[in-house]
Amino acid sequence: MDVMERLGDLIGENYNLDHVELREDTRLIEDLHLDSLDMVEMVVEIEDAFDIVIPEEKMEAMENIGDVVGVIEALSGK
């Protein structure tokens, strides 16, 4: 399973968004309607699922799914 698939599963499970098709340009706040608390929770879930630590400056730069995938791949070496 690639990073995008794992991320989609994680978001679908935790935010009841199974009906949403994730694309790299899917925006976290505008399209998925995640608020700041959701974003923090999502980062914690991602860190646990991918065994990485996301620095705050990287977290703040994540605006869409493509950004999130890029951060995960960069930090996990995938």
C-alpha atoms as a PDB file:
ATOM      1  CA  MET A   1       0.000   0.000   0.000  1.00  0.00           C
ATOM      2  CA  ASP A   2       1.470   3.358  -0.961  1.00  0.00           C
ATOM      3  CA  VAL A   3       1.509   6.544   1.129  1.00  0.00           C
ATOM      4  CA  MET A   4      -1.565   8.039  -0.585  1.00  0.00           C
ATOM      5  CA  GLU A   5      -3.624   4.884   0.043  1.00  0.00           C
ATOM      6  CA  ARG A   6      -2.557   4.641   3.693  1.00  0.00           C
ATOM      7  CA  LEU A   7      -3.277   8.341   4.198  1.00  0.00           C
ATOM      8  CA  GLY A   8      -6.699   7.956   2.590  1.00  0.00           C
ATOM      9  CA  ASP A   9      -7.520   5.049   4.891  1.00  0.00           C
ATOM     10  CA  LEU A  10      -6.343   6.990   7.936  1.00  0.00           C
ATOM     11  CA  ILE A  11      -8.384  10.084   7.058  1.00  0.00           C
ATOM     12  CA  GLY A  12     -11.439   8.040   6.129  1.00  0.00           C
ATOM     13  CA  GLU A  13     -11.369   6.101   9.402  1.00  0.00           C
ATOM     14  CA  ASN A  14     -10.764   9.065  11.687  1.00  0.00           C
ATOM     15  CA  TYR A  15     -12.925  11.727  10.056  1.00  0.00           C
ATOM     16  CA  ASN A  16     -15.777   9.692   8.519  1.00  0.00           C
ATOM     17  CA  LEU A  17     -14.803  10.821   5.042  1.00  0.00           C
ATOM     18  CA  ASP A  18     -15.053   7.517   3.187  1.00  0.00           C
ATOM     19  CA  HIS A  19     -17.150   9.156   0.487  1.00  0.00           C
ATOM     20  CA  VAL A  20     -14.470  11.723  -0.388  1.00  0.00           C
ATOM     21  CA  GLU A  21     -12.034  10.937  -3.192  1.00  0.00           C
ATOM     22  CA  LEU A  22      -8.623  12.192  -2.147  1.00  0.00           C
ATOM     23  CA  ARG A  23      -6.411  13.763  -4.773  1.00  0.00           C
ATOM     24  CA  GLU A  24      -3.122  15.576  -4.345  1.00  0.00           C
ATOM     25  CA  ASP A  25      -4.920  18.914  -4.703  1.00  0.00           C
ATOM     26  CA  THR A  26      -7.602  18.084  -2.101  1.00  0.00           C
ATOM     27  CA  ARG A  27      -7.377  20.911   0.447  1.00  0.00           C
ATOM     28  CA  LEU A  28      -7.435  19.928   4.099  1.00  0.00           C
ATOM     29  CA  ILE A  29      -9.445  22.853   5.434  1.00  0.00           C
ATOM     30  CA  GLU A  30     -11.584  23.923   2.481  1.00  0.00           C
ATOM     31  CA  ASP A  31     -12.394  20.510   0.965  1.00  0.00           C
ATOM     32  CA  LEU A  32     -12.202  18.148   3.948  1.00  0.00           C
ATOM     33  CA  HIS A  33     -13.467  20.750   6.442  1.00  0.00           C
ATOM     34  CA  LEU A  34     -10.775  19.969   9.003  1.00  0.00           C
ATOM     35  CA  ASP A  35     -10.344  22.563  11.744  1.00  0.00           C
ATOM     36  CA  SER A  36      -7.149  23.306  13.673  1.00  0.00           C
ATOM     37  CA  LEU A  37      -7.846  20.595  16.267  1.00  0.00           C
ATOM     38  CA  ASP A  38      -8.517  18.070  13.494  1.00  0.00           C
ATOM     39  CA  MET A  39      -5.209  19.051  11.887  1.00  0.00           C
ATOM     40  CA  VAL A  40      -3.278  18.428  15.110  1.00  0.00           C
ATOM     41  CA  GLU A  41      -5.045  15.094  15.619  1.00  0.00           C
ATOM     42  CA  MET A  42      -4.344  14.136  12.002  1.00  0.00           C
ATOM     43  CA  VAL A  43      -0.640  14.887  12.428  1.00  0.00           C
ATOM     44  CA  VAL A  44      -0.492  12.696  15.547  1.00  0.00           C
ATOM     45  CA  GLU A  45      -2.260   9.875  13.675  1.00  0.00           C
ATOM     46  CA  ILE A  46       0.145  10.250  10.736  1.00  0.00           C
ATOM     47  CA  GLU A  47       3.169  10.252  13.038  1.00  0.00           C
ATOM     48  CA  ASP A  48       1.964   7.040  14.687  1.00  0.00           C
ATOM     49  CA  ALA A  49       0.977   5.320  11.440  1.00  0.00           C
ATOM     50  CA  PHE A  50       4.192   6.145   9.575  1.00  0.00           C
ATOM     51  CA  ASP A  51       6.566   6.164  12.584  1.00  0.00           C
ATOM     52  CA  ILE A  52       7.784   9.706  11.890  1.00  0.00           C
ATOM     53  CA  VAL A  53       7.902  13.054  13.712  1.00  0.00           C
ATOM     54  CA  ILE A  54       6.558  16.025  11.770  1.00  0.00           C
ATOM     55  CA  PRO A  55       8.221  19.323  12.740  1.00  0.00           C
ATOM     56  CA  GLU A  56       5.871  22.235  13.420  1.00  0.00           C
ATOM     57  CA  GLU A  57       7.058  24.203  10.385  1.00  0.00           C
ATOM     58  CA  LYS A  58       6.230  21.242   8.126  1.00  0.00           C
ATOM     59  CA  MET A  59       2.828  20.869   9.758  1.00  0.00           C
ATOM     60  CA  GLU A  60       2.027  24.534   9.152  1.00  0.00           C
ATOM     61  CA  ALA A  61       2.936  24.176   5.464  1.00  0.00           C
ATOM     62  CA  MET A  62       0.534  21.275   4.851  1.00  0.00           C
ATOM     63  CA  GLU A  63      -2.403  22.746   2.949  1.00  0.00           C
ATOM     64  CA  ASN A  64      -3.427  19.853   0.718  1.00  0.00           C
ATOM     65  CA  ILE A  65      -3.060  16.086   0.436  1.00  0.00           C
ATOM     66  CA  GLY A  66      -0.065  16.435  -1.883  1.00  0.00           C
ATOM     67  CA  ASP A  67       1.746  18.470   0.773  1.00  0.00           C
ATOM     68  CA  VAL A  68       0.997  15.816   3.398  1.00  0.00           C
ATOM     69  CA  VAL A  69       2.182  12.986   1.146  1.00  0.00           C
ATOM     70  CA  GLY A  70       5.366  14.934   0.365  1.00  0.00           C
ATOM     71  CA  VAL A  71       6.128  15.451   4.054  1.00  0.00           C
ATOM     72  CA  ILE A  72       5.494  11.785   4.851  1.00  0.00           C
ATOM     73  CA  GLU A  73       7.687  10.603   1.977  1.00  0.00           C
ATOM     74  CA  ALA A  74      10.492  13.026   2.865  1.00  0.00           C
ATOM     75  CA  LEU A  75      10.507  12.074   6.542  1.00  0.00           C
ATOM     76  CA  SER A  76      10.075   8.341   6.052  1.00  0.00           C
ATOM     77  CA  GLY A  77      12.502   8.019   3.168  1.00  0.00           C
ATOM     78  CA  LYS A  78       9.861   6.509   0.848  1.00  0.00           C
END
